Amino acid sequence: MKGFVLNIAALAVAGALALPSPAAARRDLRDSGTVRVAVYRGPASCERCPETLKRAIERLHPKYRVDFVGAGEAADITPQTLARYDVYAQPGGGQDIPGALASLGEERIDAIHDYVAHGGRYLGLCMGAYLASASGLGLVPHELDSEVGRPGFAVVDSEDAAVAVRWQGRQETVFYQDGPYLLRAPKDPGFKAIATYANDDLAAARYSFGRGVVVLSGPHPEADASWFEAAGIGLEQMPDARLLRSLLIELER
């Protein structure tokens, strides 16, 4: 998944001018009894990615209630649908990032953009992180490119791998599928570095967008044993649930 430039003009302007949605009053999730999560499922994701993410979130704590949303689901991605959820999660996908964005379509892109701008939370993993970029959903003010080929990074192609990261101060390994490196945003008061690759490039981070929160991860902390086994990677390299849990916690702040 390489960086891309798409001419989707004026998303940020449209978000600023749009009328507040019902999601504008962001709930404090830290003491909430239920956290409602919408996980995208459709052509902008990859096989098994939405299902794996849903199961992984539900296993974190009973307070997480997860539904699939998308064109082929019981609920599509609309302002009315997203207003019912505390978190919108965009899982991993394939290599065709422009195609994934095109498959969402302008109405869904606008709905996600405005949902976050007015107080929603966005979780983007791998493809979901790429799609958040300035020329995609417009949730971060920069473009994203692959960590593959970066100085000091061990992975040199698009094959599945387990990569070393420093995740909230702990040395871990995590599943990786050509995910991006993220850019630091020192002028963003909501910015926080969550994890770095071994070369100190940013692997996971929190940003603010409008009244909302954006958490992005290049690698896949949600990947389960089947992913590691299919890639021929030893299960001893699979991290525990703390990595994914930390991303959800950052969204609750």
C-alpha atoms as a PDB file:
ATOM      1  CA  MET A   1       0.000   0.000   0.000  1.00  0.00           C
ATOM      2  CA  LYS A   2       1.878   3.041  -1.216  1.00  0.00           C
ATOM      3  CA  GLY A   3       1.134   6.717  -0.728  1.00  0.00           C
ATOM      4  CA  PHE A   4      -1.303   8.247  -3.156  1.00  0.00           C
ATOM      5  CA  VAL A   5      -2.550  11.590  -4.319  1.00  0.00           C
ATOM      6  CA  LEU A   6      -6.232  11.985  -5.161  1.00  0.00           C
ATOM      7  CA  ASN A   7      -7.905  15.225  -6.096  1.00  0.00           C
ATOM      8  CA  ILE A   8     -10.855  15.140  -3.750  1.00  0.00           C
ATOM      9  CA  ALA A   9     -11.195  18.862  -3.245  1.00  0.00           C
ATOM     10  CA  ALA A  10     -12.491  20.884  -0.329  1.00  0.00           C
ATOM     11  CA  LEU A  11     -13.237  18.054   2.130  1.00  0.00           C
ATOM     12  CA  ALA A  12     -11.900  20.099   5.018  1.00  0.00           C
ATOM     13  CA  VAL A  13     -13.881  23.135   3.908  1.00  0.00           C
ATOM     14  CA  ALA A  14     -17.031  21.086   3.552  1.00  0.00           C
ATOM     15  CA  GLY A  15     -16.557  19.686   7.060  1.00  0.00           C
ATOM     16  CA  ALA A  16     -16.108  23.143   8.502  1.00  0.00           C
ATOM     17  CA  LEU A  17     -19.235  24.485   6.804  1.00  0.00           C
ATOM     18  CA  ALA A  18     -21.488  21.497   7.397  1.00  0.00           C
ATOM     19  CA  LEU A  19     -24.225  21.745   9.979  1.00  0.00           C
ATOM     20  CA  PRO A  20     -23.491  19.854  13.214  1.00  0.00           C
ATOM     21  CA  SER A  21     -24.672  16.266  13.169  1.00  0.00           C
ATOM     22  CA  PRO A  22     -26.284  14.455  16.111  1.00  0.00           C
ATOM     23  CA  ALA A  23     -22.790  13.132  16.935  1.00  0.00           C
ATOM     24  CA  ALA A  24     -21.659  16.660  17.840  1.00  0.00           C
ATOM     25  CA  ALA A  25     -22.164  16.099  21.554  1.00  0.00           C
ATOM     26  CA  ARG A  26     -19.327  13.662  22.142  1.00  0.00           C
ATOM     27  CA  ARG A  27     -19.895  11.398  25.110  1.00  0.00           C
ATOM     28  CA  ASP A  28     -17.211  10.856  27.715  1.00  0.00           C
ATOM     29  CA  LEU A  29     -16.487   7.158  27.170  1.00  0.00           C
ATOM     30  CA  ARG A  30     -14.123   6.629  30.082  1.00  0.00           C
ATOM     31  CA  ASP A  31     -16.930   5.838  32.511  1.00  0.00           C
ATOM     32  CA  SER A  32     -19.514   4.817  29.927  1.00  0.00           C
ATOM     33  CA  GLY A  33     -21.401   1.581  30.415  1.00  0.00           C
ATOM     34  CA  THR A  34     -21.563   0.881  26.677  1.00  0.00           C
ATOM     35  CA  VAL A  35     -19.275   1.953  23.837  1.00  0.00           C
ATOM     36  CA  ARG A  36     -20.946   1.599  20.455  1.00  0.00           C
ATOM     37  CA  VAL A  37     -18.532   0.753  17.621  1.00  0.00           C
ATOM     38  CA  ALA A  38     -19.309   0.715  13.899  1.00  0.00           C
ATOM     39  CA  VAL A  39     -16.868  -1.435  11.893  1.00  0.00           C
ATOM     40  CA  TYR A  40     -16.850  -0.941   8.133  1.00  0.00           C
ATOM     41  CA  ARG A  41     -17.352  -4.046   5.988  1.00  0.00           C
ATOM     42  CA  GLY A  42     -17.270  -3.861   2.205  1.00  0.00           C
ATOM     43  CA  PRO A  43     -14.987  -3.527  -0.826  1.00  0.00           C
ATOM     44  CA  ALA A  44     -12.708  -0.989   0.895  1.00  0.00           C
ATOM     45  CA  SER A  45     -11.640  -3.711   3.345  1.00  0.00           C
ATOM     46  CA  CYS A  46      -9.963  -7.091   2.900  1.00  0.00           C
ATOM     47  CA  GLU A  47     -11.262 -10.606   3.416  1.00  0.00           C
ATOM     48  CA  ARG A  48     -11.554 -11.431   7.144  1.00  0.00           C
ATOM     49  CA  CYS A  49     -10.336  -7.972   8.221  1.00  0.00           C
ATOM     50  CA  PRO A  50     -13.709  -6.599   9.459  1.00  0.00           C
ATOM     51  CA  GLU A  51     -14.635  -9.860  11.173  1.00  0.00           C
ATOM     52  CA  THR A  52     -11.248 -10.113  12.894  1.00  0.00           C
ATOM     53  CA  LEU A  53     -11.491  -6.534  14.122  1.00  0.00           C
ATOM     54  CA  LYS A  54     -15.039  -6.995  15.406  1.00  0.00           C
ATOM     55  CA  ARG A  55     -14.095 -10.111  17.370  1.00  0.00           C
ATOM     56  CA  ALA A  56     -10.938  -8.514  18.736  1.00  0.00           C
ATOM     57  CA  ILE A  57     -12.791  -5.429  20.010  1.00  0.00           C
ATOM     58  CA  GLU A  58     -15.601  -7.457  21.536  1.00  0.00           C
ATOM     59  CA  ARG A  59     -13.076  -9.586  23.430  1.00  0.00           C
ATOM     60  CA  LEU A  60     -11.539  -6.524  25.069  1.00  0.00           C
ATOM     61  CA  HIS A  61     -14.491  -5.803  27.352  1.00  0.00           C
ATOM     62  CA  PRO A  62     -18.247  -6.429  27.463  1.00  0.00           C
ATOM     63  CA  LYS A  63     -18.880  -2.687  27.200  1.00  0.00           C
ATOM     64  CA  TYR A  64     -17.963  -2.723  23.501  1.00  0.00           C
ATOM     65  CA  ARG A  65     -20.983  -3.330  21.248  1.00  0.00           C
ATOM     66  CA  VAL A  66     -19.871  -3.754  17.642  1.00  0.00           C
ATOM     67  CA  ASP A  67     -21.920  -3.660  14.423  1.00  0.00           C
ATOM     68  CA  PHE A  68     -20.914  -3.832  10.784  1.00  0.00           C
ATOM     69  CA  VAL A  69     -21.807  -0.875   8.569  1.00  0.00           C
ATOM     70  CA  GLY A  70     -21.529  -0.472   4.813  1.00  0.00           C
ATOM     71  CA  ALA A  71     -23.443  -0.652   1.565  1.00  0.00           C
ATOM     72  CA  GLY A  72     -24.165  -4.362   1.933  1.00  0.00           C
ATOM     73  CA  GLU A  73     -24.982  -4.276   5.653  1.00  0.00           C
ATOM     74  CA  ALA A  74     -28.183  -3.646   7.564  1.00  0.00           C
ATOM     75  CA  ALA A  75     -27.009  -0.061   8.099  1.00  0.00           C
ATOM     76  CA  ASP A  76     -25.120   1.945   5.500  1.00  0.00           C
ATOM     77  CA  ILE A  77     -22.658   4.755   6.291  1.00  0.00           C
ATOM     78  CA  THR A  78     -24.819   7.867   6.610  1.00  0.00           C
ATOM     79  CA  PRO A  79     -24.869  10.786   9.050  1.00  0.00           C
ATOM     80  CA  GLN A  80     -27.948   9.261  10.687  1.00  0.00           C
ATOM     81  CA  THR A  81     -26.277   5.873  11.123  1.00  0.00           C
ATOM     82  CA  LEU A  82     -22.972   7.221  12.424  1.00  0.00           C
ATOM     83  CA  ALA A  83     -24.768   9.432  14.958  1.00  0.00           C
ATOM     84  CA  ARG A  84     -25.696   6.221  16.815  1.00  0.00           C
ATOM     85  CA  TYR A  85     -22.055   5.216  17.346  1.00  0.00           C
ATOM     86  CA  ASP A  86     -19.196   6.380  19.551  1.00  0.00           C
ATOM     87  CA  VAL A  87     -16.443   4.976  17.310  1.00  0.00           C
ATOM     88  CA  TYR A  88     -16.181   4.348  13.577  1.00  0.00           C
ATOM     89  CA  ALA A  89     -13.486   1.788  12.688  1.00  0.00           C
ATOM     90  CA  GLN A  90     -11.973   1.350   9.221  1.00  0.00           C
ATOM     91  CA  PRO A  91     -10.098  -1.982   9.053  1.00  0.00           C
ATOM     92  CA  GLY A  92      -7.311  -3.130   6.773  1.00  0.00           C
ATOM     93  CA  GLY A  93      -7.723  -3.631   3.046  1.00  0.00           C
ATOM     94  CA  GLY A  94      -5.837  -4.495  -0.115  1.00  0.00           C
ATOM     95  CA  GLN A  95      -3.252  -2.638  -2.157  1.00  0.00           C
ATOM     96  CA  ASP A  96      -5.571  -0.402  -4.204  1.00  0.00           C
ATOM     97  CA  ILE A  97      -6.054   2.610  -1.974  1.00  0.00           C
ATOM     98  CA  PRO A  98      -7.567   4.916  -4.628  1.00  0.00           C
ATOM     99  CA  GLY A  99      -9.952   2.100  -5.548  1.00  0.00           C
ATOM    100  CA  ALA A 100     -10.922   1.606  -1.920  1.00  0.00           C
ATOM    101  CA  LEU A 101     -11.646   5.300  -1.551  1.00  0.00           C
ATOM    102  CA  ALA A 102     -13.659   5.339  -4.769  1.00  0.00           C
ATOM    103  CA  SER A 103     -15.694   2.362  -3.544  1.00  0.00           C
ATOM    104  CA  LEU A 104     -16.729   4.345  -0.482  1.00  0.00           C
ATOM    105  CA  GLY A 105     -18.080   7.146  -2.664  1.00  0.00           C
ATOM    106  CA  GLU A 106     -18.425  10.831  -1.907  1.00  0.00           C
ATOM    107  CA  GLU A 107     -21.506  10.544   0.299  1.00  0.00           C
ATOM    108  CA  ARG A 108     -19.907   8.033   2.665  1.00  0.00           C
ATOM    109  CA  ILE A 109     -16.634   9.971   2.661  1.00  0.00           C
ATOM    110  CA  ASP A 110     -18.498  13.151   3.618  1.00  0.00           C
ATOM    111  CA  ALA A 111     -20.466  11.300   6.307  1.00  0.00           C
ATOM    112  CA  ILE A 112     -17.292   9.945   7.959  1.00  0.00           C
ATOM    113  CA  HIS A 113     -15.460  13.265   7.630  1.00  0.00           C
ATOM    114  CA  ASP A 114     -18.291  15.247   9.197  1.00  0.00           C
ATOM    115  CA  TYR A 115     -18.944  12.625  11.883  1.00  0.00           C
ATOM    116  CA  VAL A 116     -15.379  13.009  13.164  1.00  0.00           C
ATOM    117  CA  ALA A 117     -15.321  16.794  12.745  1.00  0.00           C
ATOM    118  CA  HIS A 118     -18.392  17.090  14.942  1.00  0.00           C
ATOM    119  CA  GLY A 119     -17.123  14.907  17.764  1.00  0.00           C
ATOM    120  CA  GLY A 120     -16.898  11.318  16.556  1.00  0.00           C
ATOM    121  CA  ARG A 121     -13.958   8.965  16.918  1.00  0.00           C
ATOM    122  CA  TYR A 122     -12.144   7.293  14.022  1.00  0.00           C
ATOM    123  CA  LEU A 123      -9.988   4.179  14.310  1.00  0.00           C
ATOM    124  CA  GLY A 124      -7.946   3.398  11.190  1.00  0.00           C
ATOM    125  CA  LEU A 125      -5.805   0.282  10.844  1.00  0.00           C
ATOM    126  CA  CYS A 126      -3.353  -0.107   7.930  1.00  0.00           C
ATOM    127  CA  MET A 127      -5.620   0.661   4.933  1.00  0.00           C
ATOM    128  CA  GLY A 128      -7.864   2.523   7.359  1.00  0.00           C
ATOM    129  CA  ALA A 129      -4.900   4.708   8.290  1.00  0.00           C
ATOM    130  CA  TYR A 130      -4.001   5.394   4.642  1.00  0.00           C
ATOM    131  CA  LEU A 131      -7.608   6.366   3.906  1.00  0.00           C
ATOM    132  CA  ALA A 132      -7.547   8.993   6.681  1.00  0.00           C
ATOM    133  CA  SER A 133      -4.914  11.046   4.830  1.00  0.00           C
ATOM    134  CA  ALA A 134      -5.371  14.573   3.500  1.00  0.00           C
ATOM    135  CA  SER A 135      -6.407  13.474   0.003  1.00  0.00           C
ATOM    136  CA  GLY A 136      -8.608  10.689   1.347  1.00  0.00           C
ATOM    137  CA  LEU A 137     -11.039  11.223   4.211  1.00  0.00           C
ATOM    138  CA  GLY A 138      -9.132  14.367   5.173  1.00  0.00           C
ATOM    139  CA  LEU A 139      -8.806  13.486   8.869  1.00  0.00           C
ATOM    140  CA  VAL A 140      -5.066  14.205   9.112  1.00  0.00           C
ATOM    141  CA  PRO A 141      -3.385  17.123   7.312  1.00  0.00           C
ATOM    142  CA  HIS A 142      -0.758  15.115   5.433  1.00  0.00           C
ATOM    143  CA  GLU A 143      -0.273  12.240   3.015  1.00  0.00           C
ATOM    144  CA  LEU A 144       0.871   8.805   4.164  1.00  0.00           C
ATOM    145  CA  ASP A 145       3.377   6.457   2.585  1.00  0.00           C
ATOM    146  CA  SER A 146       4.490   2.891   3.239  1.00  0.00           C
ATOM    147  CA  GLU A 147       7.081   2.066   5.872  1.00  0.00           C
ATOM    148  CA  VAL A 148       8.519  -0.530   3.454  1.00  0.00           C
ATOM    149  CA  GLY A 149      11.809   0.778   2.094  1.00  0.00           C
ATOM    150  CA  ARG A 150      12.322   3.299   4.887  1.00  0.00           C
ATOM    151  CA  PRO A 151      15.855   3.480   6.356  1.00  0.00           C
ATOM    152  CA  GLY A 152      16.327   0.941   9.103  1.00  0.00           C
ATOM    153  CA  PHE A 153      13.071  -0.929   8.486  1.00  0.00           C
ATOM    154  CA  ALA A 154      13.482  -4.696   8.234  1.00  0.00           C
ATOM    155  CA  VAL A 155      10.647  -5.439   5.776  1.00  0.00           C
ATOM    156  CA  VAL A 156      11.597  -4.866   2.135  1.00  0.00           C
ATOM    157  CA  ASP A 157       8.470  -6.034   0.279  1.00  0.00           C
ATOM    158  CA  SER A 158       4.696  -6.366   0.673  1.00  0.00           C
ATOM    159  CA  GLU A 159       4.801  -9.855   2.191  1.00  0.00           C
ATOM    160  CA  ASP A 160       3.150 -10.374   5.581  1.00  0.00           C
ATOM    161  CA  ALA A 161       5.566 -10.052   8.493  1.00  0.00           C
ATOM    162  CA  ALA A 162       5.866  -9.543  12.222  1.00  0.00           C
ATOM    163  CA  VAL A 163       7.703  -6.317  12.983  1.00  0.00           C
ATOM    164  CA  ALA A 164       9.346  -4.995  16.099  1.00  0.00           C
ATOM    165  CA  VAL A 165       7.666  -1.964  17.679  1.00  0.00           C
ATOM    166  CA  ARG A 166       7.959  -0.011  20.872  1.00  0.00           C
ATOM    167  CA  TRP A 167       4.326   0.272  21.981  1.00  0.00           C
ATOM    168  CA  GLN A 168       3.676   2.638  24.870  1.00  0.00           C
ATOM    169  CA  GLY A 169       7.123   1.938  26.261  1.00  0.00           C
ATOM    170  CA  ARG A 170       7.036  -1.860  25.779  1.00  0.00           C
ATOM    171  CA  GLN A 171       8.991  -3.872  23.219  1.00  0.00           C
ATOM    172  CA  GLU A 172       6.503  -5.900  21.147  1.00  0.00           C
ATOM    173  CA  THR A 173       6.105  -7.593  17.790  1.00  0.00           C
ATOM    174  CA  VAL A 174       2.968  -7.024  15.739  1.00  0.00           C
ATOM    175  CA  PHE A 175       1.506  -8.226  12.428  1.00  0.00           C
ATOM    176  CA  TYR A 176       2.399  -6.003   9.473  1.00  0.00           C
ATOM    177  CA  GLN A 177       1.001  -5.802   5.908  1.00  0.00           C
ATOM    178  CA  ASP A 178       2.682  -2.884   4.118  1.00  0.00           C
ATOM    179  CA  GLY A 179       1.270  -0.351   6.564  1.00  0.00           C
ATOM    180  CA  PRO A 180       2.214   3.333   6.636  1.00  0.00           C
ATOM    181  CA  TYR A 181       4.478   5.340   8.834  1.00  0.00           C
ATOM    182  CA  LEU A 182       2.716   8.279  10.421  1.00  0.00           C
ATOM    183  CA  LEU A 183       3.801  11.881  10.771  1.00  0.00           C
ATOM    184  CA  ARG A 184       4.166  13.756  14.016  1.00  0.00           C
ATOM    185  CA  ALA A 185       1.910  16.766  14.512  1.00  0.00           C
ATOM    186  CA  PRO A 186       3.479  18.965  17.207  1.00  0.00           C
ATOM    187  CA  LYS A 187       0.975  21.780  16.617  1.00  0.00           C
ATOM    188  CA  ASP A 188      -1.966  19.454  17.239  1.00  0.00           C
ATOM    189  CA  PRO A 189      -2.887  19.650  20.962  1.00  0.00           C
ATOM    190  CA  GLY A 190      -4.445  16.196  20.729  1.00  0.00           C
ATOM    191  CA  PHE A 191      -1.433  14.523  19.134  1.00  0.00           C
ATOM    192  CA  LYS A 192       0.170  11.613  20.943  1.00  0.00           C
ATOM    193  CA  ALA A 193       2.722   9.083  19.755  1.00  0.00           C
ATOM    194  CA  ILE A 194       1.492   5.610  20.732  1.00  0.00           C
ATOM    195  CA  ALA A 195       4.016   3.304  19.049  1.00  0.00           C
ATOM    196  CA  THR A 196       7.171   3.490  16.947  1.00  0.00           C
ATOM    197  CA  TYR A 197       8.872   1.050  14.621  1.00  0.00           C
ATOM    198  CA  ALA A 198      12.418  -0.070  15.468  1.00  0.00           C
ATOM    199  CA  ASN A 199      13.839   2.780  13.348  1.00  0.00           C
ATOM    200  CA  ASP A 200      11.826   5.314  15.407  1.00  0.00           C
ATOM    201  CA  ASP A 201       9.324   6.032  12.617  1.00  0.00           C
ATOM    202  CA  LEU A 202       5.843   6.489  14.016  1.00  0.00           C
ATOM    203  CA  ALA A 203       3.686   3.326  13.848  1.00  0.00           C
ATOM    204  CA  ALA A 204       0.572   4.403  15.797  1.00  0.00           C
ATOM    205  CA  ALA A 205      -0.642   7.794  16.940  1.00  0.00           C
ATOM    206  CA  ARG A 206      -3.590   9.864  18.112  1.00  0.00           C
ATOM    207  CA  TYR A 207      -4.643  13.119  16.424  1.00  0.00           C
ATOM    208  CA  SER A 208      -7.462  15.577  16.834  1.00  0.00           C
ATOM    209  CA  PHE A 209      -9.742  16.644  14.004  1.00  0.00           C
ATOM    210  CA  GLY A 210     -12.348  19.290  14.674  1.00  0.00           C
ATOM    211  CA  ARG A 211     -14.107  18.163  17.839  1.00  0.00           C
ATOM    212  CA  GLY A 212     -13.241  14.523  17.175  1.00  0.00           C
ATOM    213  CA  VAL A 213     -10.385  12.100  17.771  1.00  0.00           C
ATOM    214  CA  VAL A 214      -8.444  10.090  15.195  1.00  0.00           C
ATOM    215  CA  VAL A 215      -6.300   7.066  16.125  1.00  0.00           C
ATOM    216  CA  LEU A 216      -4.251   5.426  13.391  1.00  0.00           C
ATOM    217  CA  SER A 217      -2.057   2.328  13.331  1.00  0.00           C
ATOM    218  CA  GLY A 218       0.189   1.154  10.501  1.00  0.00           C
ATOM    219  CA  PRO A 219       0.472  -2.448  11.746  1.00  0.00           C
ATOM    220  CA  HIS A 220      -2.366  -4.782  12.811  1.00  0.00           C
ATOM    221  CA  PRO A 221      -2.659  -5.217  16.606  1.00  0.00           C
ATOM    222  CA  GLU A 222      -6.023  -6.933  16.051  1.00  0.00           C
ATOM    223  CA  ALA A 223      -4.517  -9.810  14.017  1.00  0.00           C
ATOM    224  CA  ASP A 224      -5.405 -13.194  15.505  1.00  0.00           C
ATOM    225  CA  ALA A 225      -3.619 -16.552  15.463  1.00  0.00           C
ATOM    226  CA  SER A 226      -5.052 -17.475  12.054  1.00  0.00           C
ATOM    227  CA  TRP A 227      -3.281 -14.509  10.449  1.00  0.00           C
ATOM    228  CA  PHE A 228       0.077 -15.529  11.910  1.00  0.00           C
ATOM    229  CA  GLU A 229      -0.415 -19.184  10.970  1.00  0.00           C
ATOM    230  CA  ALA A 230      -1.422 -18.349   7.379  1.00  0.00           C
ATOM    231  CA  ALA A 231       1.705 -16.218   7.015  1.00  0.00           C
ATOM    232  CA  GLY A 232       3.958 -18.870   8.545  1.00  0.00           C
ATOM    233  CA  ILE A 233       4.837 -16.630  11.486  1.00  0.00           C
ATOM    234  CA  GLY A 234       5.307 -18.207  14.896  1.00  0.00           C
ATOM    235  CA  LEU A 235       2.549 -17.514  17.418  1.00  0.00           C
ATOM    236  CA  GLU A 236       5.166 -16.469  19.961  1.00  0.00           C
ATOM    237  CA  GLN A 237       5.380 -13.215  17.990  1.00  0.00           C
ATOM    238  CA  MET A 238       1.673 -12.450  18.407  1.00  0.00           C
ATOM    239  CA  PRO A 239       1.094  -9.680  20.973  1.00  0.00           C
ATOM    240  CA  ASP A 240      -1.645  -9.777  23.572  1.00  0.00           C
ATOM    241  CA  ALA A 241      -4.768  -7.623  23.593  1.00  0.00           C
ATOM    242  CA  ARG A 242      -3.087  -4.693  25.328  1.00  0.00           C
ATOM    243  CA  LEU A 243      -2.014  -3.179  22.017  1.00  0.00           C
ATOM    244  CA  LEU A 244      -5.507  -2.955  20.554  1.00  0.00           C
ATOM    245  CA  ARG A 245      -6.935  -1.973  23.933  1.00  0.00           C
ATOM    246  CA  SER A 246      -4.551   0.991  24.078  1.00  0.00           C
ATOM    247  CA  LEU A 247      -5.935   2.326  20.783  1.00  0.00           C
ATOM    248  CA  LEU A 248      -9.517   2.181  22.066  1.00  0.00           C
ATOM    249  CA  ILE A 249      -8.470   3.862  25.294  1.00  0.00           C
ATOM    250  CA  GLU A 250      -6.860   6.722  23.349  1.00  0.00           C
ATOM    251  CA  LEU A 251     -10.156   7.193  21.497  1.00  0.00           C
ATOM    252  CA  GLU A 252     -11.981   7.546  24.788  1.00  0.00           C
ATOM    253  CA  ARG A 253      -9.956  10.542  25.949  1.00  0.00           C
END
